[in-house]
Amino acid sequence: MRPLFILPAIDPCFQKGDDFLTQINLNKLTKTVAGEPLFTIDQLTAHTGERIGIIGANGTGKTTLAHIIAGTDTDFTGQRTVTAPVTLVPQIAPTNGRSGGQSMLDRVRRALAQRPEILILDEPSANLDDDHQQWLIGQLQHFKGLLIMISHDRELLTAVATQIWSLADHTYTQYNGNFEDFVTLRDQQRQNDRDRYQNEQRERRTLKQAIQARHEKADRIRKGSRSMSEAERANSKSTREQNAAKMERGARALKDRMNRQTVAVKPHETSALKLVATDLPRVTGKYLITITDLHLQRGKHDLLDHVQLRVKPGERVALAGPNGSGKSTLIEAILSHQDGTRLAPSARVGYFHQDMTELPHDQTVWQVISRASALDDNRTRQIMGAFGLKAIFYDRLIGELSGGEQVKVQLLTILVSASNLLILDEPTNYLDLPALQALEDFLVGYPGTVLFVAHDQTFRQKVATRVLELTDQRLIDPDKTAKSTPATDLPRLQFEYDQLMMAPDLDTKRLQEIRKQIAALKK
């Protein structure tokens, strides 16, 4: 069956003058790859002024849908109606020597300058620093046309999207609201599914117990009471058999009722990703990373000066700062043992930076990950599954994977390795939302030490125990800066405490607060 394209002129709802035009209508659409359905769409619609976020696991067809909407992929069945020209900004494009973030910004700026009626952005916030992410959010919030974003950036989706198209189990579903609204609804649906499953299981157990009880009672009736004489047993045999048969019929009726029940599918529960200290090489010494008065340059350009840094075992330290401020260069200086940097002798480093060319494309996923893993096969598979690489991926060649799936493989080879210090440079780029959650859970429970760069602010907030900012050629610890207390605070608090003690109405709650503050300052 050939794809059906409907011209806008035949549908009156597309006439000019309407304030709310239907610009995209996808109906009964199926995309097939290698004879297998990649995804199906019952119906998706989009209107002028809407901002749609497309979410789903890596490799499931989000970018393919973008190309179908843009008209560059016509190999599908079903109906596609698009009423205006589409501008598509792809996820990956030539960078011409510029960083990935700079290249994406240039392409987004050029696209916005064209004032397109329909704009599709594929991972527009990847590699952008905090300031440029905020710039992007502001620009997209004020975009007047129809906007479609393929993204795993939770902050972007929450701030910009007015609708979510979620791809799960090969099917697209449309949700109104932003990403937070989607998560709330999804979590409620999952809880409802769990409740329904648990209620059905309780009812089935009750029915099984009732069925068993009737069978046992039927057996007792047939046998008769031990106190019966042989004559009584013979005379009551017919009656006892009738009563036992009645019990058996009751048991069969209950069993039929149980079999007629619609059995809810058990909701999938992801196992906790938990390593213990004994899984990792032993750490000795007070600090794993020590940097003293380090000066960093890129070519003739000064990046950082007088860098001082010490990272204790068990810390999860994030490096934040604008693009080009020196985050990756600082990591490279640590790894190359540049003068002024020191790694503890017991440090065993697992280093992640996105370079899929390092992966052997002619080997399978399981060959690559199992060879790198220091864990047993079952735990390795458990962690792979949490990141979305389930059993169907084990025998797939690396070269057959999508870019996001290759990122997962490369990241997993580091996470499951025999390392006690993970250095991760932008591990969140191009990971889907389930994998992002899995990575958060893994790192929060990781018993080793982590130094990482991530522009995903939500990820940083959830994972980091300390965030260091690179700004104005300095490495700053905002927590330490913020905790410094002016010398005048202690006398002021003591004076306020004395005044409250002499007041006619005693404010005990405020007194307790001040006493705690005074005690903290005297430490």
Protein backbone atom coordinates (compact mmCIF):
# COMPACT_ATOMS: atom_id res chain seq x y z
CA MET A 1 0.00 0.00 0.00
CA ARG A 2 1.38 3.39 -1.01
CA PRO A 3 1.38 6.28 1.49
CA LEU A 4 -1.60 8.59 1.11
CA PHE A 5 -0.87 12.33 0.90
CA ILE A 6 -3.85 14.66 1.29
CA LEU A 7 -3.59 18.12 -0.24
CA PRO A 8 -4.60 20.90 2.13
CA ALA A 9 -7.00 22.45 -0.38
CA ILE A 10 -9.53 19.62 -0.06
CA ASP A 11 -10.06 20.11 3.68
CA PRO A 12 -12.09 23.19 4.74
CA CYS A 13 -10.51 23.26 8.20
CA PHE A 14 -7.30 24.52 6.59
CA GLN A 15 -8.79 27.72 5.12
CA LYS A 16 -6.94 30.96 5.88
CA GLY A 17 -8.46 33.16 8.54
CA ASP A 18 -8.79 30.43 11.12
CA ASP A 19 -6.90 31.11 14.36
CA PHE A 20 -6.27 27.45 15.10
CA LEU A 21 -5.32 25.58 11.96
CA THR A 22 -4.76 21.85 11.83
CA GLN A 23 -1.38 21.67 10.13
CA ILE A 24 -0.46 18.01 10.67
CA ASN A 25 -2.73 14.99 10.67
CA LEU A 26 -1.26 11.48 10.78
CA ASN A 27 -3.88 8.76 10.55
CA LYS A 28 -3.54 4.95 10.63
CA LEU A 29 0.13 5.30 9.76
CA THR A 30 2.65 2.45 10.01
CA LYS A 31 6.38 2.54 9.39
CA THR A 32 7.99 -0.82 8.63
CA VAL A 33 11.72 -1.59 8.63
CA ALA A 34 13.13 -4.94 7.44
CA GLY A 35 9.63 -6.44 7.43
CA GLU A 36 8.93 -5.50 11.07
CA PRO A 37 6.74 -2.59 12.24
CA LEU A 38 8.94 0.18 13.65
CA PHE A 39 5.95 2.13 14.94
CA THR A 40 2.24 2.64 14.35
CA ILE A 41 0.09 5.74 14.74
CA ASP A 42 -3.66 5.58 15.18
CA GLN A 43 -3.98 9.36 14.95
CA LEU A 44 -1.78 12.35 15.78
CA THR A 45 -2.81 15.93 15.09
CA ALA A 46 -0.97 19.22 15.51
CA HIS A 47 -2.16 22.79 15.16
CA THR A 48 -0.73 26.24 14.61
CA GLY A 49 1.01 27.59 17.71
CA GLU A 50 1.36 24.23 19.44
CA ARG A 51 4.76 23.10 20.73
CA ILE A 52 5.07 19.32 20.64
CA GLY A 53 7.71 17.26 22.39
CA ILE A 54 8.44 13.81 20.93
CA ILE A 55 9.89 11.38 23.46
CA GLY A 56 10.80 7.70 23.40
CA ALA A 57 13.66 5.25 23.68
CA ASN A 58 16.69 5.45 21.40
CA GLY A 59 16.29 3.67 18.09
CA THR A 60 12.48 3.44 18.19
CA GLY A 61 11.75 5.84 15.34
CA LYS A 62 11.49 9.44 16.58
CA THR A 63 13.82 10.86 13.92
CA THR A 64 12.12 8.66 11.32
CA LEU A 65 8.78 10.28 12.19
CA ALA A 66 10.37 13.71 11.77
CA HIS A 67 11.46 12.77 8.25
CA ILE A 68 7.99 11.43 7.44
CA ILE A 69 6.43 14.73 8.55
CA ALA A 70 9.07 16.67 6.60
CA GLY A 71 8.33 14.60 3.50
CA THR A 72 11.86 13.20 3.11
CA ASP A 73 10.68 9.67 4.04
CA THR A 74 7.74 8.41 1.98
CA ASP A 75 8.15 4.70 2.68
CA PHE A 76 5.18 4.15 4.97
CA THR A 77 1.53 3.11 4.85
CA GLY A 78 -1.36 5.27 5.99
CA GLN A 79 -2.32 8.91 5.74
CA ARG A 80 -0.04 11.93 6.15
CA THR A 81 -1.50 15.41 5.92
CA VAL A 82 0.88 18.37 6.21
CA THR A 83 -0.43 21.78 5.16
CA ALA A 84 2.70 23.96 5.14
CA PRO A 85 6.41 23.74 4.33
CA VAL A 86 8.52 22.05 7.02
CA THR A 87 11.95 23.15 8.20
CA LEU A 88 13.88 20.27 9.82
CA VAL A 89 17.02 20.92 11.88
CA PRO A 90 18.73 17.50 12.22
CA GLN A 91 20.46 16.18 15.30
CA ILE A 92 23.76 15.52 13.58
CA ALA A 93 25.29 17.71 10.89
CA PRO A 94 28.77 18.80 9.78
CA THR A 95 30.32 21.05 12.42
CA ASN A 96 32.97 22.69 10.21
CA GLY A 97 35.47 22.66 13.05
CA ARG A 98 33.05 24.12 15.60
CA SER A 99 31.78 22.39 18.75
CA GLY A 100 28.57 20.38 18.60
CA GLY A 101 26.78 23.01 20.71
CA GLN A 102 27.94 25.90 18.52
CA SER A 103 26.95 24.04 15.36
CA MET A 104 23.47 23.33 16.71
CA LEU A 105 23.01 26.97 17.81
CA ASP A 106 23.98 28.20 14.32
CA ARG A 107 21.47 25.87 12.69
CA VAL A 108 18.67 26.78 15.12
CA ARG A 109 19.32 30.51 14.61
CA ARG A 110 19.21 30.12 10.83
CA ALA A 111 15.99 28.12 11.04
CA LEU A 112 14.28 30.65 13.33
CA ALA A 113 15.35 33.52 11.08
CA GLN A 114 13.37 31.90 8.24
CA ARG A 115 10.16 32.16 10.36
CA PRO A 116 8.96 28.71 9.20
CA GLU A 117 5.34 27.70 9.61
CA ILE A 118 6.38 24.24 10.83
CA LEU A 119 9.74 23.77 12.55
CA ILE A 120 11.17 20.40 13.64
CA LEU A 121 14.22 20.34 15.93
CA ASP A 122 16.02 17.05 16.64
CA GLU A 123 17.78 17.21 20.04
CA PRO A 124 18.27 20.99 19.89
CA SER A 125 19.67 21.38 23.43
CA ALA A 126 22.37 18.69 23.21
CA ASN A 127 25.83 20.10 24.05
CA LEU A 128 24.43 23.53 25.02
CA ASP A 129 25.65 25.18 28.23
CA ASP A 130 23.22 26.62 30.78
CA ASP A 131 23.09 30.14 29.30
CA HIS A 132 22.47 28.89 25.76
CA GLN A 133 19.85 26.44 27.01
CA GLN A 134 17.98 29.34 28.59
CA TRP A 135 18.34 31.32 25.34
CA LEU A 136 16.92 28.38 23.40
CA ILE A 137 13.98 28.00 25.80
CA GLY A 138 13.14 31.70 25.47
CA GLN A 139 13.30 31.60 21.67
CA LEU A 140 11.09 28.51 21.42
CA GLN A 141 8.54 29.80 23.93
CA HIS A 142 7.96 32.78 21.63
CA PHE A 143 7.93 30.83 18.36
CA LYS A 144 4.66 31.59 16.56
CA GLY A 145 4.43 28.62 14.23
CA LEU A 146 3.99 24.91 14.88
CA LEU A 147 7.02 23.55 16.73
CA ILE A 148 8.01 19.89 17.06
CA MET A 149 10.98 18.96 19.26
CA ILE A 150 12.59 15.54 19.56
CA SER A 151 14.26 15.79 22.94
CA HIS A 152 15.29 14.02 26.13
CA ASP A 153 15.87 17.36 27.89
CA ARG A 154 13.36 17.42 30.74
CA GLU A 155 13.83 21.12 31.49
CA LEU A 156 13.29 22.05 27.84
CA LEU A 157 10.23 19.81 27.50
CA THR A 158 8.70 21.15 30.71
CA ALA A 159 9.35 24.81 29.86
CA VAL A 160 8.35 24.72 26.18
CA ALA A 161 6.10 21.79 25.23
CA THR A 162 2.31 22.15 25.26
CA GLN A 163 1.81 18.57 24.09
CA ILE A 164 3.77 15.30 24.25
CA TRP A 165 3.89 12.55 21.64
CA SER A 166 5.21 9.50 23.48
CA LEU A 167 6.57 6.49 21.59
CA ALA A 168 6.42 3.28 23.64
CA ASP A 169 5.89 -0.35 22.64
CA HIS A 170 6.03 0.66 18.93
CA THR A 171 3.01 2.96 19.32
CA TYR A 172 2.69 6.75 19.46
CA THR A 173 0.30 8.24 22.03
CA GLN A 174 -0.68 11.90 22.29
CA TYR A 175 -0.83 13.68 25.69
CA ASN A 176 -1.89 17.25 26.38
CA GLY A 177 0.35 19.37 28.61
CA ASN A 178 4.08 19.67 29.15
CA PHE A 179 6.55 17.03 30.25
CA GLU A 180 5.76 17.38 33.98
CA ASP A 181 2.07 16.86 33.19
CA PHE A 182 2.97 13.80 31.12
CA VAL A 183 5.09 12.32 33.93
CA THR A 184 2.29 12.89 36.47
CA LEU A 185 -0.25 11.19 34.23
CA ARG A 186 2.14 8.36 33.29
CA ASP A 187 3.00 7.69 36.95
CA GLN A 188 -0.70 7.69 37.85
CA GLN A 189 -1.42 5.23 35.03
CA ARG A 190 1.41 3.00 36.23
CA GLN A 191 0.08 3.14 39.78
CA ASN A 192 -3.42 2.30 38.52
CA ASP A 193 -1.98 -0.64 36.57
CA ARG A 194 -0.14 -1.86 39.69
CA ASP A 195 -3.28 -1.49 41.82
CA ARG A 196 -5.43 -3.31 39.26
CA TYR A 197 -2.91 -6.13 38.95
CA GLN A 198 -2.55 -6.49 42.73
CA ASN A 199 -6.34 -6.42 43.24
CA GLU A 200 -6.84 -9.08 40.58
CA GLN A 201 -4.10 -11.22 42.09
CA ARG A 202 -5.71 -10.93 45.55
CA GLU A 203 -9.10 -11.90 44.13
CA ARG A 204 -7.60 -14.85 42.24
CA ARG A 205 -5.87 -16.05 45.40
CA THR A 206 -9.17 -15.77 47.27
CA LEU A 207 -10.99 -17.72 44.55
CA LYS A 208 -8.27 -20.40 44.46
CA GLN A 209 -8.53 -20.80 48.23
CA ALA A 210 -12.32 -21.05 47.98
CA ILE A 211 -12.03 -23.63 45.18
CA GLN A 212 -9.54 -25.66 47.20
CA ALA A 213 -11.76 -25.46 50.29
CA ARG A 214 -14.77 -26.80 48.34
CA HIS A 215 -12.74 -29.69 46.91
CA GLU A 216 -11.47 -30.58 50.38
CA LYS A 217 -15.00 -30.37 51.82
CA ALA A 218 -16.31 -32.60 49.02
CA ASP A 219 -13.64 -35.18 49.90
CA ARG A 220 -14.60 -35.06 53.59
CA ILE A 221 -18.29 -35.47 52.75
CA ARG A 222 -17.58 -38.50 50.56
CA LYS A 223 -15.51 -40.14 53.29
CA GLY A 224 -18.09 -39.44 55.96
CA SER A 225 -17.50 -38.96 59.67
CA ARG A 226 -15.13 -41.32 61.48
CA SER A 227 -17.80 -41.85 64.11
CA MET A 228 -20.21 -43.37 61.54
CA SER A 229 -21.02 -47.04 61.75
CA GLU A 230 -20.77 -49.17 58.63
CA ALA A 231 -24.57 -49.17 58.34
CA GLU A 232 -24.78 -45.38 58.64
CA ARG A 233 -22.00 -45.00 56.11
CA ALA A 234 -23.82 -47.28 53.65
CA ASN A 235 -27.24 -45.64 54.15
CA SER A 236 -25.84 -42.09 53.70
CA LYS A 237 -23.64 -42.83 50.72
CA SER A 238 -26.10 -41.49 48.12
CA THR A 239 -26.82 -38.34 50.13
CA ARG A 240 -23.14 -37.75 50.78
CA GLU A 241 -22.32 -38.16 47.10
CA GLN A 242 -25.04 -35.64 46.16
CA ASN A 243 -23.70 -33.10 48.66
CA ALA A 244 -20.12 -33.70 47.52
CA ALA A 245 -21.15 -33.25 43.89
CA LYS A 246 -22.86 -30.00 44.86
CA MET A 247 -19.58 -28.83 46.41
CA GLU A 248 -17.70 -29.86 43.26
CA ARG A 249 -20.14 -27.90 41.10
CA GLY A 250 -19.59 -24.87 43.31
CA ALA A 251 -15.82 -25.28 42.90
CA ARG A 252 -16.20 -25.54 39.09
CA ALA A 253 -18.39 -22.41 39.05
CA LEU A 254 -15.75 -20.49 40.98
CA LYS A 255 -13.05 -21.78 38.64
CA ASP A 256 -15.08 -20.70 35.58
CA ARG A 257 -15.53 -17.27 37.18
CA MET A 258 -11.78 -17.04 37.77
CA ASN A 259 -10.99 -18.10 34.19
CA ARG A 260 -13.42 -15.52 32.79
CA GLN A 261 -11.54 -12.71 34.54
CA THR A 262 -9.50 -10.36 32.39
CA VAL A 263 -6.05 -10.87 33.81
CA ALA A 264 -4.04 -7.64 33.99
CA VAL A 265 -0.49 -7.85 32.73
CA LYS A 266 2.03 -7.58 35.54
CA PRO A 267 3.58 -4.09 35.35
CA HIS A 268 7.27 -4.08 34.59
CA GLU A 269 9.30 -2.99 37.61
CA THR A 270 12.91 -1.98 36.99
CA SER A 271 15.29 -3.58 39.46
CA ALA A 272 17.41 -1.22 41.53
CA LEU A 273 20.87 -0.59 40.13
CA LYS A 274 23.01 -1.14 43.17
CA LEU A 275 26.72 -1.76 43.45
CA VAL A 276 28.53 -2.25 46.74
CA ALA A 277 32.02 -1.14 47.73
CA THR A 278 33.38 -4.67 47.37
CA ASP A 279 32.54 -4.54 43.64
CA LEU A 280 35.20 -1.86 43.15
CA PRO A 281 38.98 -1.74 43.55
CA ARG A 282 39.93 -0.61 47.06
CA VAL A 283 40.71 3.08 47.57
CA THR A 284 43.48 4.34 49.84
CA GLY A 285 44.31 7.91 50.71
CA LYS A 286 42.27 10.96 51.65
CA TYR A 287 41.84 12.33 48.11
CA LEU A 288 41.48 10.65 44.72
CA ILE A 289 42.07 13.85 42.73
CA THR A 290 44.33 16.71 43.81
CA ILE A 291 44.96 19.83 41.70
CA THR A 292 47.30 22.57 42.89
CA ASP A 293 47.74 25.95 41.21
CA LEU A 294 47.00 24.59 37.73
CA HIS A 295 47.08 26.88 34.69
CA LEU A 296 45.24 25.69 31.59
CA GLN A 297 45.52 26.90 28.03
CA ARG A 298 44.05 25.83 24.71
CA GLY A 299 46.62 26.91 22.16
CA LYS A 300 47.47 30.50 23.13
CA HIS A 301 44.09 31.04 24.78
CA ASP A 302 43.98 31.06 28.60
CA LEU A 303 41.16 28.91 30.00
CA LEU A 304 41.75 28.54 33.74
CA ASP A 305 44.22 29.98 36.19
CA HIS A 306 45.25 29.01 39.74
CA VAL A 307 42.97 25.96 39.80
CA GLN A 308 42.72 24.33 43.23
CA LEU A 309 40.69 21.13 43.59
CA ARG A 310 40.54 18.13 45.88
CA VAL A 311 38.02 15.31 45.42
CA LYS A 312 37.40 12.89 48.28
CA PRO A 313 36.44 9.24 47.83
CA GLY A 314 32.66 8.92 47.49
CA GLU A 315 32.04 12.43 46.17
CA ARG A 316 30.08 13.07 42.99
CA VAL A 317 31.47 16.33 41.60
CA ALA A 318 29.92 18.15 38.65
CA LEU A 319 31.78 20.67 36.48
CA ALA A 320 29.51 23.42 35.15
CA GLY A 321 30.22 26.42 32.97
CA PRO A 322 29.76 27.95 29.53
CA ASN A 323 30.80 26.17 26.36
CA GLY A 324 34.55 26.68 25.88
CA SER A 325 35.23 27.46 29.55
CA GLY A 326 37.60 24.51 29.90
CA LYS A 327 35.58 21.66 31.44
CA SER A 328 36.75 18.99 29.02
CA THR A 329 40.26 20.46 28.95
CA LEU A 330 40.45 20.18 32.74
CA ILE A 331 39.41 16.54 32.53
CA GLU A 332 42.05 15.90 29.88
CA ALA A 333 44.69 17.55 32.11
CA ILE A 334 43.78 15.22 34.98
CA LEU A 335 43.88 12.12 32.77
CA SER A 336 47.20 13.09 31.18
CA HIS A 337 48.78 13.75 34.62
CA GLN A 338 49.62 17.32 33.66
CA ASP A 339 51.88 19.19 36.10
CA GLY A 340 49.80 20.41 39.02
CA THR A 341 47.42 17.44 38.89
CA ARG A 342 47.62 14.19 40.84
CA LEU A 343 45.57 11.02 40.81
CA ALA A 344 45.82 8.76 43.86
CA PRO A 345 47.81 5.58 43.15
CA SER A 346 44.74 3.52 44.07
CA ALA A 347 42.53 5.35 41.55
CA ARG A 348 41.23 3.14 38.75
CA VAL A 349 39.67 5.46 36.20
CA GLY A 350 36.74 4.71 33.94
CA TYR A 351 36.62 7.54 31.38
CA PHE A 352 33.63 8.22 29.16
CA HIS A 353 33.57 10.69 26.29
CA GLN A 354 31.27 10.27 23.36
CA ASP A 355 33.26 8.80 20.51
CA MET A 356 31.40 5.95 18.88
CA THR A 357 34.28 5.43 16.43
CA GLU A 358 36.08 3.65 19.28
CA LEU A 359 33.47 0.87 19.31
CA PRO A 360 34.15 -2.25 17.20
CA HIS A 361 31.23 -2.17 14.75
CA ASP A 362 31.72 -5.81 13.72
CA GLN A 363 31.19 -7.19 17.25
CA THR A 364 27.94 -7.81 19.12
CA VAL A 365 26.61 -5.76 22.02
CA TRP A 366 27.13 -8.63 24.46
CA GLN A 367 30.69 -9.29 23.27
CA VAL A 368 31.67 -5.66 23.86
CA ILE A 369 29.95 -5.14 27.23
CA SER A 370 30.69 -8.54 28.78
CA ARG A 371 34.38 -8.21 27.92
CA ALA A 372 34.51 -4.84 29.71
CA SER A 373 32.46 -5.92 32.73
CA ALA A 374 33.94 -6.73 36.12
CA LEU A 375 30.52 -7.99 37.32
CA ASP A 376 28.96 -11.41 36.87
CA ASP A 377 26.81 -11.98 33.79
CA ASN A 378 23.46 -11.70 35.61
CA ARG A 379 24.24 -8.32 37.15
CA THR A 380 25.69 -7.09 33.88
CA ARG A 381 22.47 -8.04 32.11
CA GLN A 382 20.41 -6.38 34.85
CA ILE A 383 22.22 -3.08 34.35
CA MET A 384 22.00 -3.38 30.56
CA GLY A 385 18.25 -3.95 30.84
CA ALA A 386 17.77 -0.87 32.99
CA PHE A 387 19.40 1.17 30.21
CA GLY A 388 17.09 -0.35 27.60
CA LEU A 389 19.53 -2.91 26.17
CA LYS A 390 17.47 -6.02 26.77
CA ALA A 391 18.05 -9.56 25.48
CA ILE A 392 17.05 -8.71 21.89
CA PHE A 393 20.15 -6.48 21.71
CA TYR A 394 22.70 -9.06 22.87
CA ASP A 395 23.41 -10.52 19.43
CA ARG A 396 23.05 -7.29 17.44
CA LEU A 397 26.17 -5.86 15.86
CA ILE A 398 27.35 -2.49 17.16
CA GLY A 399 27.27 -1.15 13.61
CA GLU A 400 23.52 -1.88 13.38
CA LEU A 401 22.65 0.29 16.39
CA SER A 402 21.34 3.86 16.36
CA GLY A 403 23.59 6.65 17.60
CA GLY A 404 21.79 6.77 20.95
CA GLU A 405 22.08 3.00 21.38
CA GLN A 406 25.82 3.15 20.65
CA VAL A 407 26.14 5.86 23.31
CA LYS A 408 24.52 3.46 25.79
CA VAL A 409 26.95 0.66 24.89
CA GLN A 410 29.97 2.92 25.21
CA LEU A 411 28.71 4.28 28.55
CA LEU A 412 27.92 0.82 29.93
CA THR A 413 31.42 -0.46 29.16
CA ILE A 414 32.62 2.21 31.61
CA LEU A 415 29.94 1.80 34.28
CA VAL A 416 30.42 -1.96 34.68
CA SER A 417 34.23 -1.86 34.49
CA ALA A 418 36.65 -2.38 37.38
CA SER A 419 36.83 1.34 38.15
CA ASN A 420 36.53 3.25 41.41
CA LEU A 421 36.69 6.70 39.80
CA LEU A 422 34.28 7.50 36.98
CA ILE A 423 35.14 10.54 34.85
CA LEU A 424 32.19 11.20 32.57
CA ASP A 425 32.23 13.94 29.93
CA GLU A 426 28.65 14.69 28.83
CA PRO A 427 27.22 11.21 29.49
CA THR A 428 23.61 12.44 29.16
CA ASN A 429 23.76 13.61 25.54
CA TYR A 430 21.47 11.57 23.27
CA LEU A 431 20.37 9.21 26.06
CA ASP A 432 16.63 8.55 26.13
CA LEU A 433 14.60 9.36 29.24
CA PRO A 434 14.53 5.82 30.71
CA ALA A 435 18.32 5.58 30.29
CA LEU A 436 18.75 9.02 31.91
CA GLN A 437 16.75 7.82 34.92
CA ALA A 438 18.79 4.61 35.02
CA LEU A 439 22.04 6.58 34.91
CA GLU A 440 20.84 8.85 37.73
CA ASP A 441 19.92 5.85 39.88
CA PHE A 442 23.20 4.11 39.11
CA LEU A 443 25.41 7.08 39.99
CA VAL A 444 23.45 8.06 43.12
CA GLY A 445 23.97 4.51 44.42
CA TYR A 446 27.52 4.19 43.11
CA PRO A 447 29.95 3.50 45.99
CA GLY A 448 32.92 4.98 44.15
CA THR A 449 33.78 8.55 43.12
CA VAL A 450 32.43 10.49 40.15
CA LEU A 451 33.67 13.59 38.33
CA PHE A 452 31.35 14.58 35.50
CA VAL A 453 30.31 17.25 33.03
CA ALA A 454 26.61 17.47 32.15
CA HIS A 455 24.61 20.34 30.71
CA ASP A 456 21.40 18.60 31.82
CA GLN A 457 20.57 20.71 34.90
CA THR A 458 18.00 18.25 36.26
CA PHE A 459 20.58 15.47 36.06
CA ARG A 460 23.21 17.60 37.83
CA GLN A 461 20.82 18.48 40.64
CA LYS A 462 19.87 14.84 41.24
CA VAL A 463 23.35 13.31 41.01
CA ALA A 464 25.97 15.79 42.20
CA THR A 465 27.02 16.15 45.82
CA ARG A 466 29.08 19.19 44.77
CA VAL A 467 28.89 21.48 41.72
CA LEU A 468 31.96 23.46 40.67
CA GLU A 469 31.58 26.39 38.28
CA LEU A 470 34.13 27.44 35.67
CA THR A 471 33.72 31.16 35.14
CA ASP A 472 36.05 34.06 34.33
CA GLN A 473 39.03 31.65 34.13
CA ARG A 474 38.41 30.50 37.70
CA LEU A 475 37.17 27.27 39.24
CA ILE A 476 34.67 28.22 41.96
CA ASP A 477 32.86 26.14 44.57
CA PRO A 478 29.57 28.08 45.07
CA ASP A 479 28.67 26.08 48.17
CA LYS A 480 31.82 27.16 49.96
CA THR A 481 31.40 30.74 48.78
CA ALA A 482 27.78 30.86 49.87
CA LYS A 483 28.53 29.42 53.31
CA SER A 484 30.91 32.22 54.31
CA THR A 485 29.19 34.26 57.05
CA PRO A 486 29.81 37.96 57.66
CA ALA A 487 31.48 38.68 61.00
CA THR A 488 28.55 40.92 61.96
CA ASP A 489 26.05 38.05 61.94
CA LEU A 490 26.92 36.67 65.39
CA PRO A 491 26.53 39.94 67.35
CA ARG A 492 23.32 40.71 65.47
CA LEU A 493 21.82 37.32 66.26
CA GLN A 494 22.83 37.55 69.92
CA PHE A 495 21.25 41.00 70.17
CA GLU A 496 18.03 39.74 68.57
CA TYR A 497 18.02 36.78 70.95
CA ASP A 498 18.36 39.08 73.98
CA GLN A 499 15.57 41.34 72.75
CA LEU A 500 13.23 38.39 72.23
CA MET A 501 14.00 37.05 75.71
CA MET A 502 12.92 40.39 77.23
CA ALA A 503 9.78 40.73 75.07
CA PRO A 504 6.37 40.41 76.80
CA ASP A 505 5.26 37.70 74.35
CA LEU A 506 7.82 34.93 74.07
CA ASP A 507 8.31 33.71 70.47
CA THR A 508 9.78 30.31 71.27
CA LYS A 509 9.93 29.17 67.62
CA ARG A 510 12.05 32.16 66.59
CA LEU A 511 14.23 31.75 69.68
CA GLN A 512 14.97 28.15 68.72
CA GLU A 513 15.88 29.20 65.15
CA ILE A 514 18.27 31.90 66.41
CA ARG A 515 19.84 29.57 68.97
CA LYS A 516 20.60 27.04 66.20
CA GLN A 517 22.14 29.76 64.01
CA ILE A 518 24.31 31.03 66.89
CA ALA A 519 25.46 27.50 67.72
CA ALA A 520 26.35 26.87 64.06
CA LEU A 521 28.40 30.08 63.86
CA LYS A 522 30.31 29.26 67.04
CA LYS A 523 31.50 25.92 65.71
